[in-house]
């Protein structure tokens, strides 16, 4: 049996904080359920029973947290930046490892529907960093991967977009001292306001 500390570490909770590279932060709902089932199986439960117990536990957690979007706040500058990007005609989308219903709730809670043309979550085994997920998101958004910039905060985001032949990748970390995990990105920023549209040719 795992201790409580070991259990928390397995899901990416360290010192009462969520590890940005841990399972809960970057894993899909399905991946978290499978990981939970694996831990349950160590108690002697059959695999099918372990899966059933894990899925039921997640459903119970959903019921106890009806306002899930409250847990995922957005930074103050996000709406302003999204508005400026949408004003020049850019298509904007959210591709998350969260469930489709979770992404929808997030967009509705934070009133982002005026800026976001695609809110896509994961409800199958196709998840990050599989490049097919990124290609599917681009297809649904009506843009080519080669004409798309991806902004992400994890190595999986960067790897997924690069393998899908995205035009570029922007790694974002609020802590300028913690950027090593984003080293493969085309550029690293610390605030979304660093993303801007050039309105004048750089050659003039």
N, C-alpha and C. Protein backbone atom coordinates (compact mmCIF):
# COMPACT_ATOMS: atom_id res chain seq x y z
N UNK A 1 0.84 -1.20 0.00
CA UNK A 1 0.00 0.00 0.00
C UNK A 1 0.88 1.26 0.00
N UNK A 2 0.45 2.26 -0.76
CA UNK A 2 1.16 3.52 -0.78
C UNK A 2 0.75 4.37 0.41
N UNK A 3 1.70 5.13 0.93
CA UNK A 3 1.38 6.08 1.98
C UNK A 3 0.66 7.27 1.35
N UNK A 4 0.05 8.11 2.18
CA UNK A 4 -0.65 9.29 1.67
C UNK A 4 0.32 10.20 0.90
N UNK A 5 1.52 10.33 1.41
CA UNK A 5 2.53 11.16 0.73
C UNK A 5 2.86 10.60 -0.64
N UNK A 6 3.05 9.29 -0.71
CA UNK A 6 3.36 8.65 -1.99
C UNK A 6 2.19 8.77 -2.96
N UNK A 7 0.98 8.67 -2.43
CA UNK A 7 -0.21 8.79 -3.27
C UNK A 7 -0.32 10.20 -3.85
N UNK A 8 -0.07 11.19 -3.02
CA UNK A 8 -0.12 12.57 -3.49
C UNK A 8 0.94 12.82 -4.55
N UNK A 9 2.13 12.29 -4.33
CA UNK A 9 3.20 12.47 -5.31
C UNK A 9 2.87 11.80 -6.64
N UNK A 10 2.19 10.65 -6.56
CA UNK A 10 1.83 9.93 -7.79
C UNK A 10 0.93 10.77 -8.68
N UNK A 11 0.11 11.61 -8.06
CA UNK A 11 -0.80 12.47 -8.84
C UNK A 11 -0.26 13.88 -9.04
N UNK A 12 0.96 14.11 -8.57
CA UNK A 12 1.60 15.40 -8.82
C UNK A 12 1.28 16.49 -7.81
N UNK A 13 1.03 16.10 -6.56
CA UNK A 13 0.79 17.09 -5.51
C UNK A 13 2.01 17.09 -4.59
N UNK A 14 2.72 18.22 -4.57
CA UNK A 14 3.94 18.33 -3.77
C UNK A 14 3.85 19.56 -2.88
N UNK A 15 4.06 19.35 -1.59
CA UNK A 15 4.03 20.45 -0.63
C UNK A 15 2.74 21.27 -0.75
N UNK A 16 1.63 20.55 -0.88
CA UNK A 16 0.31 21.17 -1.00
C UNK A 16 0.15 22.04 -2.24
N UNK A 17 1.01 21.83 -3.22
CA UNK A 17 0.92 22.56 -4.49
C UNK A 17 0.86 21.55 -5.63
N UNK A 18 0.25 21.97 -6.72
CA UNK A 18 0.12 21.10 -7.89
C UNK A 18 1.34 21.23 -8.77
N UNK A 19 2.04 20.12 -8.97
CA UNK A 19 3.20 20.10 -9.86
C UNK A 19 2.72 20.37 -11.28
N UNK A 20 3.20 21.44 -11.95
CA UNK A 20 2.72 21.76 -13.30
C UNK A 20 3.02 20.70 -14.33
N UNK A 21 3.91 19.75 -13.98
CA UNK A 21 4.23 18.67 -14.90
C UNK A 21 3.69 17.33 -14.41
N UNK A 22 2.93 17.36 -13.30
CA UNK A 22 2.40 16.14 -12.72
C UNK A 22 1.15 15.64 -13.42
N UNK A 23 0.72 14.46 -13.02
CA UNK A 23 -0.40 13.79 -13.67
C UNK A 23 -1.68 14.61 -13.65
N UNK A 24 -2.04 15.19 -12.51
CA UNK A 24 -3.29 15.94 -12.42
C UNK A 24 -3.25 17.20 -13.27
N UNK A 25 -2.05 17.77 -13.45
CA UNK A 25 -1.93 19.02 -14.20
C UNK A 25 -1.99 18.80 -15.70
N UNK A 26 -1.35 17.75 -16.18
CA UNK A 26 -1.23 17.59 -17.64
C UNK A 26 -1.92 16.33 -18.17
N UNK A 27 -2.32 15.42 -17.30
CA UNK A 27 -2.94 14.19 -17.75
C UNK A 27 -4.42 14.39 -18.07
N UNK A 28 -4.93 13.60 -19.00
CA UNK A 28 -6.35 13.65 -19.33
C UNK A 28 -7.16 12.98 -18.23
N UNK A 29 -8.47 13.14 -18.31
CA UNK A 29 -9.37 12.47 -17.35
C UNK A 29 -9.14 10.97 -17.41
N UNK A 30 -9.08 10.43 -18.63
CA UNK A 30 -8.88 8.98 -18.80
C UNK A 30 -7.56 8.53 -18.20
N UNK A 31 -6.51 9.29 -18.41
CA UNK A 31 -5.20 8.92 -17.87
C UNK A 31 -5.21 8.95 -16.34
N UNK A 32 -5.90 9.92 -15.77
CA UNK A 32 -6.00 9.98 -14.31
C UNK A 32 -6.80 8.80 -13.77
N UNK A 33 -7.88 8.43 -14.49
CA UNK A 33 -8.68 7.28 -14.06
C UNK A 33 -7.86 5.99 -14.12
N UNK A 34 -7.08 5.83 -15.18
CA UNK A 34 -6.27 4.63 -15.33
C UNK A 34 -5.20 4.56 -14.24
N UNK A 35 -4.58 5.70 -13.96
CA UNK A 35 -3.56 5.74 -12.90
C UNK A 35 -4.18 5.38 -11.55
N UNK A 36 -5.37 5.93 -11.28
CA UNK A 36 -6.06 5.62 -10.03
C UNK A 36 -6.42 4.14 -9.97
N UNK A 37 -6.87 3.61 -11.09
CA UNK A 37 -7.22 2.18 -11.13
C UNK A 37 -5.99 1.32 -10.86
N UNK A 38 -4.85 1.74 -11.39
CA UNK A 38 -3.61 0.99 -11.16
C UNK A 38 -3.26 0.93 -9.68
N UNK A 39 -3.46 2.04 -8.99
CA UNK A 39 -3.18 2.07 -7.56
C UNK A 39 -4.18 1.21 -6.79
N UNK A 40 -5.44 1.26 -7.21
CA UNK A 40 -6.47 0.44 -6.56
C UNK A 40 -6.18 -1.04 -6.74
N UNK A 41 -5.67 -1.38 -7.92
CA UNK A 41 -5.37 -2.79 -8.22
C UNK A 41 -4.31 -3.36 -7.29
N UNK A 42 -3.48 -2.49 -6.72
CA UNK A 42 -2.44 -2.99 -5.80
C UNK A 42 -3.03 -3.52 -4.50
N UNK A 43 -4.33 -3.23 -4.27
CA UNK A 43 -4.99 -3.74 -3.06
C UNK A 43 -5.53 -5.14 -3.26
N UNK A 44 -5.39 -5.67 -4.49
CA UNK A 44 -5.88 -7.01 -4.76
C UNK A 44 -7.16 -7.05 -5.57
N UNK A 45 -7.71 -5.90 -5.89
CA UNK A 45 -8.91 -5.85 -6.72
C UNK A 45 -8.57 -6.28 -8.15
N UNK A 46 -9.55 -6.87 -8.85
CA UNK A 46 -9.33 -7.20 -10.25
C UNK A 46 -9.23 -5.90 -11.04
N UNK A 47 -8.67 -5.99 -12.25
CA UNK A 47 -8.49 -4.78 -13.06
C UNK A 47 -9.82 -4.13 -13.39
N UNK A 48 -10.82 -4.93 -13.76
CA UNK A 48 -12.11 -4.36 -14.12
C UNK A 48 -12.78 -3.71 -12.92
N UNK A 49 -12.67 -4.34 -11.76
CA UNK A 49 -13.22 -3.73 -10.55
C UNK A 49 -12.47 -2.44 -10.21
N UNK A 50 -11.16 -2.46 -10.41
CA UNK A 50 -10.35 -1.27 -10.13
C UNK A 50 -10.76 -0.10 -11.02
N UNK A 51 -10.98 -0.38 -12.29
CA UNK A 51 -11.44 0.67 -13.22
C UNK A 51 -12.80 1.21 -12.81
N UNK A 52 -13.70 0.30 -12.45
CA UNK A 52 -15.04 0.72 -12.06
C UNK A 52 -15.01 1.58 -10.80
N UNK A 53 -14.20 1.19 -9.84
CA UNK A 53 -14.09 1.95 -8.58
C UNK A 53 -13.51 3.33 -8.86
N UNK A 54 -12.45 3.38 -9.70
CA UNK A 54 -11.81 4.66 -10.02
C UNK A 54 -12.79 5.59 -10.72
N UNK A 55 -13.50 5.07 -11.72
CA UNK A 55 -14.44 5.91 -12.47
C UNK A 55 -15.57 6.42 -11.59
N UNK A 56 -16.05 5.55 -10.69
CA UNK A 56 -17.12 5.97 -9.77
C UNK A 56 -16.61 7.06 -8.83
N UNK A 57 -15.36 6.92 -8.40
CA UNK A 57 -14.77 7.93 -7.51
C UNK A 57 -14.68 9.28 -8.21
N UNK A 58 -14.31 9.27 -9.49
CA UNK A 58 -14.23 10.53 -10.24
C UNK A 58 -15.61 11.14 -10.43
N UNK A 59 -16.60 10.30 -10.66
CA UNK A 59 -17.97 10.80 -10.81
C UNK A 59 -18.46 11.43 -9.51
N UNK A 60 -18.13 10.80 -8.39
CA UNK A 60 -18.51 11.35 -7.09
C UNK A 60 -17.81 12.68 -6.84
N UNK A 61 -16.54 12.76 -7.29
CA UNK A 61 -15.80 14.01 -7.14
C UNK A 61 -16.44 15.12 -7.98
N UNK A 62 -16.91 14.77 -9.18
CA UNK A 62 -17.59 15.75 -10.04
C UNK A 62 -18.82 16.31 -9.33
N UNK A 63 -19.57 15.42 -8.67
CA UNK A 63 -20.79 15.85 -7.98
C UNK A 63 -20.48 16.79 -6.82
N UNK A 64 -19.35 16.55 -6.18
CA UNK A 64 -18.99 17.38 -5.02
C UNK A 64 -18.35 18.70 -5.43
N UNK A 65 -18.01 18.82 -6.72
CA UNK A 65 -17.40 20.06 -7.21
C UNK A 65 -18.14 20.52 -8.46
N UNK A 66 -19.40 20.95 -8.33
CA UNK A 66 -20.18 21.36 -9.50
C UNK A 66 -19.61 22.57 -10.21
N UNK A 67 -18.92 23.45 -9.47
CA UNK A 67 -18.34 24.64 -10.08
C UNK A 67 -16.86 24.41 -10.33
N UNK A 68 -16.56 23.43 -11.20
CA UNK A 68 -15.16 23.08 -11.45
C UNK A 68 -14.38 24.23 -12.04
N UNK A 69 -15.03 25.10 -12.83
CA UNK A 69 -14.32 26.22 -13.46
C UNK A 69 -13.73 27.17 -12.41
N UNK A 70 -14.32 27.17 -11.20
CA UNK A 70 -13.80 28.02 -10.14
C UNK A 70 -12.38 27.61 -9.76
N UNK A 71 -12.09 26.31 -9.95
CA UNK A 71 -10.78 25.79 -9.56
C UNK A 71 -9.71 26.20 -10.56
N UNK A 72 -10.12 26.55 -11.78
CA UNK A 72 -9.18 26.92 -12.82
C UNK A 72 -9.39 28.38 -13.22
N UNK A 73 -8.88 29.30 -12.41
CA UNK A 73 -9.05 30.71 -12.73
C UNK A 73 -8.18 31.11 -13.92
N UNK A 74 -8.43 32.26 -14.50
CA UNK A 74 -7.58 32.77 -15.56
C UNK A 74 -6.89 34.03 -15.05
N UNK A 75 -5.74 34.32 -15.62
CA UNK A 75 -5.00 35.50 -15.21
C UNK A 75 -5.68 36.76 -15.75
N UNK A 76 -5.51 37.89 -15.06
CA UNK A 76 -6.25 39.11 -15.39
C UNK A 76 -6.10 39.58 -16.83
N UNK A 77 -4.93 39.34 -17.43
CA UNK A 77 -4.68 39.88 -18.77
C UNK A 77 -5.25 39.03 -19.90
N UNK A 78 -5.73 37.83 -19.57
CA UNK A 78 -6.13 36.89 -20.62
C UNK A 78 -7.23 37.44 -21.52
N UNK A 79 -8.30 37.96 -20.94
CA UNK A 79 -9.41 38.46 -21.76
C UNK A 79 -8.96 39.59 -22.67
N UNK A 80 -8.15 40.49 -22.14
CA UNK A 80 -7.67 41.62 -22.93
C UNK A 80 -6.87 41.15 -24.13
N UNK A 81 -6.00 40.17 -23.91
CA UNK A 81 -5.19 39.66 -25.01
C UNK A 81 -6.04 38.91 -26.03
N UNK A 82 -6.95 38.06 -25.54
CA UNK A 82 -7.82 37.33 -26.45
C UNK A 82 -8.67 38.28 -27.28
N UNK A 83 -9.14 39.36 -26.66
CA UNK A 83 -9.94 40.34 -27.38
C UNK A 83 -9.13 41.00 -28.48
N UNK A 84 -7.89 41.40 -28.16
CA UNK A 84 -7.05 42.07 -29.16
C UNK A 84 -6.72 41.14 -30.33
N UNK A 85 -6.52 39.85 -30.04
CA UNK A 85 -6.22 38.90 -31.10
C UNK A 85 -7.44 38.62 -31.97
N UNK A 86 -8.60 38.51 -31.32
CA UNK A 86 -9.81 38.22 -32.09
C UNK A 86 -10.23 39.43 -32.92
N UNK A 87 -9.91 40.63 -32.45
CA UNK A 87 -10.28 41.84 -33.17
C UNK A 87 -9.61 41.94 -34.54
N UNK A 88 -8.46 41.31 -34.70
CA UNK A 88 -7.77 41.35 -35.99
C UNK A 88 -8.11 40.13 -36.84
N UNK A 89 -9.07 39.34 -36.38
CA UNK A 89 -9.57 38.25 -37.21
C UNK A 89 -8.91 36.90 -37.00
N UNK A 90 -8.07 36.76 -35.97
CA UNK A 90 -7.43 35.47 -35.73
C UNK A 90 -8.45 34.48 -35.16
N UNK A 91 -8.34 33.24 -35.58
CA UNK A 91 -9.17 32.18 -35.00
C UNK A 91 -8.46 31.65 -33.76
N UNK A 92 -9.19 31.59 -32.67
CA UNK A 92 -8.61 31.19 -31.39
C UNK A 92 -9.32 29.95 -30.86
N UNK A 93 -8.55 29.05 -30.30
CA UNK A 93 -9.13 27.83 -29.75
C UNK A 93 -8.42 27.39 -28.49
N UNK A 94 -9.13 26.62 -27.69
CA UNK A 94 -8.57 25.99 -26.50
C UNK A 94 -8.56 24.49 -26.73
N UNK A 95 -7.40 23.87 -26.58
CA UNK A 95 -7.25 22.42 -26.65
C UNK A 95 -6.70 21.97 -25.31
N UNK A 96 -7.51 21.25 -24.56
CA UNK A 96 -7.16 20.89 -23.19
C UNK A 96 -7.25 19.39 -22.97
N UNK A 97 -6.47 18.90 -22.02
CA UNK A 97 -6.56 17.50 -21.62
C UNK A 97 -7.76 17.27 -20.72
N UNK A 98 -8.45 18.34 -20.34
CA UNK A 98 -9.67 18.22 -19.55
C UNK A 98 -10.76 17.60 -20.41
N UNK A 99 -11.86 17.21 -19.80
CA UNK A 99 -12.99 16.65 -20.53
C UNK A 99 -13.67 17.74 -21.35
N UNK A 100 -14.40 17.37 -22.42
CA UNK A 100 -15.14 18.37 -23.19
C UNK A 100 -16.08 19.21 -22.33
N UNK A 101 -16.76 18.56 -21.38
CA UNK A 101 -17.68 19.30 -20.52
C UNK A 101 -16.92 20.26 -19.60
N UNK A 102 -15.73 19.86 -19.19
CA UNK A 102 -14.91 20.73 -18.34
C UNK A 102 -14.45 21.96 -19.10
N UNK A 103 -14.06 21.78 -20.37
CA UNK A 103 -13.63 22.91 -21.19
C UNK A 103 -14.80 23.86 -21.44
N UNK A 104 -15.96 23.28 -21.72
CA UNK A 104 -17.16 24.10 -21.96
C UNK A 104 -17.50 24.93 -20.72
N UNK A 105 -17.43 24.30 -19.55
CA UNK A 105 -17.74 25.00 -18.30
C UNK A 105 -16.74 26.13 -18.05
N UNK A 106 -15.47 25.87 -18.37
CA UNK A 106 -14.42 26.88 -18.19
C UNK A 106 -14.70 28.10 -19.07
N UNK A 107 -15.03 27.86 -20.35
CA UNK A 107 -15.29 28.96 -21.28
C UNK A 107 -16.52 29.75 -20.84
N UNK A 108 -17.55 29.04 -20.41
CA UNK A 108 -18.78 29.72 -19.99
C UNK A 108 -18.55 30.52 -18.70
N UNK A 109 -17.86 29.89 -17.74
CA UNK A 109 -17.65 30.54 -16.45
C UNK A 109 -16.87 31.85 -16.61
N UNK A 110 -15.86 31.83 -17.47
CA UNK A 110 -15.00 33.00 -17.64
C UNK A 110 -15.40 33.87 -18.82
N UNK A 111 -16.56 33.55 -19.42
CA UNK A 111 -17.15 34.37 -20.49
C UNK A 111 -16.15 34.61 -21.63
N UNK A 112 -15.67 33.51 -22.18
CA UNK A 112 -14.68 33.59 -23.26
C UNK A 112 -15.26 33.29 -24.64
N UNK A 113 -16.55 33.01 -24.69
CA UNK A 113 -17.15 32.57 -25.96
C UNK A 113 -17.09 33.63 -27.06
N UNK A 114 -16.97 34.90 -26.69
CA UNK A 114 -16.86 35.95 -27.70
C UNK A 114 -15.51 35.91 -28.42
N UNK A 115 -14.53 35.24 -27.81
CA UNK A 115 -13.19 35.24 -28.38
C UNK A 115 -12.77 33.86 -28.91
N UNK A 116 -13.35 32.82 -28.34
CA UNK A 116 -12.90 31.46 -28.63
C UNK A 116 -13.83 30.79 -29.64
N UNK A 117 -13.26 30.34 -30.76
CA UNK A 117 -14.06 29.65 -31.77
C UNK A 117 -14.09 28.14 -31.57
N UNK A 118 -13.14 27.62 -30.79
CA UNK A 118 -13.08 26.18 -30.54
C UNK A 118 -12.70 25.92 -29.09
N UNK A 119 -13.52 25.14 -28.41
CA UNK A 119 -13.19 24.67 -27.07
C UNK A 119 -13.19 23.15 -27.12
N UNK A 120 -12.02 22.55 -27.09
CA UNK A 120 -11.91 21.10 -27.32
C UNK A 120 -11.25 20.40 -26.14
N UNK A 121 -11.92 19.40 -25.63
CA UNK A 121 -11.37 18.58 -24.56
C UNK A 121 -11.12 17.17 -25.06
N UNK A 122 -10.73 16.30 -24.15
CA UNK A 122 -10.37 14.92 -24.50
C UNK A 122 -11.34 13.95 -23.84
N UNK A 123 -11.92 13.08 -24.65
CA UNK A 123 -12.82 12.06 -24.09
C UNK A 123 -12.52 10.68 -24.66
N UNK A 124 -11.31 10.50 -25.14
CA UNK A 124 -10.91 9.20 -25.70
C UNK A 124 -9.43 8.99 -25.40
N UNK A 125 -8.87 7.91 -25.96
CA UNK A 125 -7.46 7.62 -25.75
C UNK A 125 -6.55 8.52 -26.57
N UNK A 126 -7.14 9.31 -27.48
CA UNK A 126 -6.36 10.28 -28.24
C UNK A 126 -6.17 11.51 -27.37
N UNK A 127 -4.96 11.71 -26.87
CA UNK A 127 -4.71 12.80 -25.95
C UNK A 127 -3.30 13.34 -26.16
N UNK A 128 -2.97 14.40 -25.46
CA UNK A 128 -1.64 14.98 -25.56
C UNK A 128 -0.60 13.97 -25.10
N UNK A 129 0.56 13.91 -25.76
CA UNK A 129 1.07 14.79 -26.82
C UNK A 129 0.90 14.21 -28.23
N UNK A 130 -0.11 13.41 -28.48
CA UNK A 130 -0.33 12.85 -29.80
C UNK A 130 -0.61 13.97 -30.80
N UNK A 131 0.19 14.10 -31.85
CA UNK A 131 0.00 15.19 -32.81
C UNK A 131 -1.32 15.13 -33.55
N UNK A 132 -1.93 13.93 -33.61
CA UNK A 132 -3.22 13.82 -34.28
C UNK A 132 -4.29 14.64 -33.56
N UNK A 133 -4.13 14.81 -32.26
CA UNK A 133 -5.08 15.62 -31.49
C UNK A 133 -4.98 17.07 -31.93
N UNK A 134 -3.77 17.54 -32.12
CA UNK A 134 -3.56 18.93 -32.56
C UNK A 134 -4.09 19.12 -33.98
N UNK A 135 -3.83 18.13 -34.84
CA UNK A 135 -4.32 18.23 -36.22
C UNK A 135 -5.85 18.25 -36.24
N UNK A 136 -6.47 17.44 -35.37
CA UNK A 136 -7.92 17.41 -35.30
C UNK A 136 -8.47 18.75 -34.84
N UNK A 137 -7.81 19.36 -33.87
CA UNK A 137 -8.23 20.67 -33.37
C UNK A 137 -8.13 21.71 -34.48
N UNK A 138 -7.05 21.67 -35.24
CA UNK A 138 -6.88 22.62 -36.35
C UNK A 138 -7.96 22.42 -37.40
N UNK A 139 -8.26 21.16 -37.70
CA UNK A 139 -9.30 20.85 -38.68
C UNK A 139 -10.65 21.39 -38.21
N UNK A 140 -10.96 21.19 -36.95
CA UNK A 140 -12.23 21.69 -36.40
C UNK A 140 -12.29 23.22 -36.39
N UNK A 141 -11.12 23.83 -36.26
CA UNK A 141 -11.05 25.29 -36.24
C UNK A 141 -11.03 25.87 -37.65
N UNK A 142 -10.73 25.01 -38.62
CA UNK A 142 -10.69 25.46 -40.01
C UNK A 142 -9.40 26.13 -40.40
N UNK A 143 -8.30 25.71 -39.78
CA UNK A 143 -6.98 26.26 -40.11
C UNK A 143 -5.99 25.12 -40.30
N UNK A 144 -4.93 25.37 -41.06
CA UNK A 144 -3.89 24.37 -41.26
C UNK A 144 -2.91 24.42 -40.10
N UNK A 145 -2.40 23.27 -39.64
CA UNK A 145 -1.39 23.29 -38.57
C UNK A 145 -0.22 24.19 -38.91
N UNK A 146 0.17 24.22 -40.20
CA UNK A 146 1.31 25.01 -40.64
C UNK A 146 1.07 26.52 -40.53
N UNK A 147 -0.19 26.90 -40.30
CA UNK A 147 -0.53 28.32 -40.16
C UNK A 147 -0.96 28.63 -38.73
N UNK A 148 -0.58 27.76 -37.80
CA UNK A 148 -1.05 27.87 -36.42
C UNK A 148 0.10 28.07 -35.45
N UNK A 149 -0.10 28.95 -34.49
CA UNK A 149 0.81 29.12 -33.36
C UNK A 149 0.17 28.49 -32.13
N UNK A 150 0.93 27.72 -31.39
CA UNK A 150 0.41 27.07 -30.19
C UNK A 150 1.05 27.70 -28.96
N UNK A 151 0.23 28.07 -28.00
CA UNK A 151 0.71 28.58 -26.71
C UNK A 151 0.43 27.51 -25.67
N UNK A 152 1.46 27.03 -24.99
CA UNK A 152 1.28 25.98 -24.00
C UNK A 152 2.24 26.10 -22.85
N UNK A 153 1.93 25.40 -21.75
CA UNK A 153 2.77 25.50 -20.56
C UNK A 153 3.42 24.18 -20.16
N UNK A 154 3.39 23.19 -21.07
CA UNK A 154 4.00 21.91 -20.72
C UNK A 154 4.80 21.36 -21.91
N UNK A 155 5.77 20.50 -21.64
CA UNK A 155 6.54 19.88 -22.73
C UNK A 155 5.65 19.11 -23.69
N UNK A 156 4.56 18.52 -23.18
CA UNK A 156 3.65 17.78 -24.03
C UNK A 156 2.98 18.68 -25.06
N UNK A 157 2.61 19.88 -24.63
CA UNK A 157 2.02 20.85 -25.56
C UNK A 157 2.99 21.15 -26.70
N UNK A 158 4.23 21.43 -26.32
CA UNK A 158 5.25 21.81 -27.30
C UNK A 158 5.53 20.67 -28.26
N UNK A 159 5.74 19.46 -27.72
CA UNK A 159 6.05 18.30 -28.56
C UNK A 159 4.91 17.99 -29.52
N UNK A 160 3.68 18.06 -29.03
CA UNK A 160 2.51 17.78 -29.85
C UNK A 160 2.43 18.72 -31.04
N UNK A 161 2.56 20.01 -30.79
CA UNK A 161 2.43 20.99 -31.86
C UNK A 161 3.59 20.91 -32.85
N UNK A 162 4.79 20.70 -32.34
CA UNK A 162 5.95 20.61 -33.23
C UNK A 162 5.83 19.41 -34.16
N UNK A 163 5.41 18.26 -33.61
CA UNK A 163 5.29 17.06 -34.45
C UNK A 163 4.16 17.21 -35.46
N UNK A 164 3.17 18.03 -35.15
CA UNK A 164 2.07 18.27 -36.07
C UNK A 164 2.42 19.34 -37.10
N UNK A 165 3.67 19.83 -37.04
CA UNK A 165 4.17 20.82 -38.00
C UNK A 165 3.51 22.19 -37.83
N UNK A 166 3.26 22.57 -36.58
CA UNK A 166 2.73 23.91 -36.32
C UNK A 166 3.75 24.96 -36.77
N UNK A 167 3.27 26.15 -37.10
CA UNK A 167 4.17 27.21 -37.56
C UNK A 167 5.16 27.61 -36.47
N UNK A 168 4.73 27.51 -35.23
CA UNK A 168 5.60 27.86 -34.12
C UNK A 168 4.96 27.50 -32.79
N UNK A 169 5.78 27.47 -31.75
CA UNK A 169 5.28 27.14 -30.42
C UNK A 169 5.74 28.20 -29.42
N UNK A 170 4.83 28.62 -28.57
CA UNK A 170 5.13 29.62 -27.55
C UNK A 170 4.96 28.96 -26.19
N UNK A 171 6.05 28.82 -25.47
CA UNK A 171 5.99 28.27 -24.13
C UNK A 171 5.74 29.38 -23.13
N UNK A 172 4.82 29.17 -22.20
CA UNK A 172 4.53 30.21 -21.21
C UNK A 172 4.72 29.68 -19.80
N UNK A 173 5.45 30.44 -19.01
CA UNK A 173 5.68 30.11 -17.60
C UNK A 173 5.63 31.40 -16.82
N UNK A 174 4.79 31.43 -15.80
CA UNK A 174 4.66 32.66 -15.01
C UNK A 174 5.93 32.94 -14.21
N UNK A 175 6.73 31.92 -13.99
CA UNK A 175 7.98 32.06 -13.23
C UNK A 175 9.15 32.05 -14.19
N UNK A 176 9.83 33.17 -14.34
CA UNK A 176 10.94 33.29 -15.29
C UNK A 176 12.11 32.39 -14.92
N UNK A 177 12.11 31.85 -13.69
CA UNK A 177 13.19 30.96 -13.26
C UNK A 177 12.87 29.50 -13.55
N UNK A 178 11.63 29.23 -13.93
CA UNK A 178 11.22 27.85 -14.19
C UNK A 178 10.77 27.71 -15.64
N UNK A 179 11.74 27.66 -16.53
CA UNK A 179 11.43 27.58 -17.95
C UNK A 179 12.15 26.43 -18.66
N UNK A 180 12.98 25.68 -17.93
CA UNK A 180 13.77 24.62 -18.55
C UNK A 180 12.89 23.59 -19.25
N UNK A 181 11.72 23.30 -18.68
CA UNK A 181 10.84 22.29 -19.27
C UNK A 181 10.23 22.75 -20.59
N UNK A 182 10.39 24.04 -20.92
CA UNK A 182 9.85 24.58 -22.16
C UNK A 182 10.95 24.89 -23.18
N UNK A 183 12.11 24.31 -22.97
CA UNK A 183 13.27 24.67 -23.79
C UNK A 183 13.11 24.36 -25.27
N UNK A 184 12.20 23.45 -25.62
CA UNK A 184 12.00 23.10 -27.02
C UNK A 184 11.03 24.05 -27.75
N UNK A 185 10.45 25.00 -27.04
CA UNK A 185 9.52 25.94 -27.66
C UNK A 185 10.28 26.92 -28.55
N UNK A 186 9.58 27.48 -29.52
CA UNK A 186 10.20 28.47 -30.41
C UNK A 186 10.59 29.71 -29.62
N UNK A 187 9.77 30.06 -28.65
CA UNK A 187 10.03 31.22 -27.79
C UNK A 187 9.34 30.98 -26.46
N UNK A 188 9.88 31.56 -25.39
CA UNK A 188 9.29 31.42 -24.05
C UNK A 188 8.91 32.80 -23.55
N UNK A 189 7.68 32.90 -23.01
CA UNK A 189 7.19 34.15 -22.45
C UNK A 189 6.76 33.93 -21.00
N UNK A 190 6.62 35.01 -20.27
CA UNK A 190 6.20 34.92 -18.87
C UNK A 190 4.84 35.57 -18.63
N UNK A 191 4.31 36.19 -19.66
CA UNK A 191 3.01 36.84 -19.54
C UNK A 191 2.36 36.83 -20.91
N UNK A 192 1.07 36.52 -20.97
CA UNK A 192 0.39 36.43 -22.25
C UNK A 192 0.39 37.76 -23.00
N UNK A 193 0.57 38.87 -22.29
CA UNK A 193 0.61 40.17 -22.94
C UNK A 193 1.82 40.33 -23.85
N UNK A 194 2.77 39.41 -23.75
CA UNK A 194 3.92 39.46 -24.65
C UNK A 194 3.55 38.99 -26.05
N UNK A 195 2.36 38.40 -26.20
CA UNK A 195 1.87 38.01 -27.52
C UNK A 195 1.15 39.21 -28.12
N UNK A 196 1.67 39.70 -29.25
CA UNK A 196 1.08 40.89 -29.86
C UNK A 196 1.10 40.75 -31.37
N UNK A 197 0.23 41.50 -32.04
CA UNK A 197 0.15 41.52 -33.50
C UNK A 197 0.95 42.70 -34.01
N UNK A 198 1.85 42.43 -34.97
CA UNK A 198 2.61 43.52 -35.60
C UNK A 198 1.71 44.15 -36.64
N UNK A 199 1.47 45.43 -36.50
CA UNK A 199 0.60 46.14 -37.45
C UNK A 199 1.38 46.85 -38.54
N UNK A 200 2.71 46.82 -38.44
CA UNK A 200 3.54 47.48 -39.44
C UNK A 200 4.62 46.53 -39.89
N UNK A 201 4.94 46.52 -41.17
CA UNK A 201 5.95 45.61 -41.70
C UNK A 201 7.29 45.89 -41.05
N UNK A 202 7.99 44.81 -40.70
CA UNK A 202 9.31 44.98 -40.08
C UNK A 202 10.34 45.42 -41.10
N UNK A 203 9.97 45.42 -42.39
CA UNK A 203 10.92 45.78 -43.44
C UNK A 203 10.81 47.26 -43.81
N UNK A 204 9.84 47.98 -43.24
CA UNK A 204 9.69 49.41 -43.59
C UNK A 204 10.49 50.28 -42.66
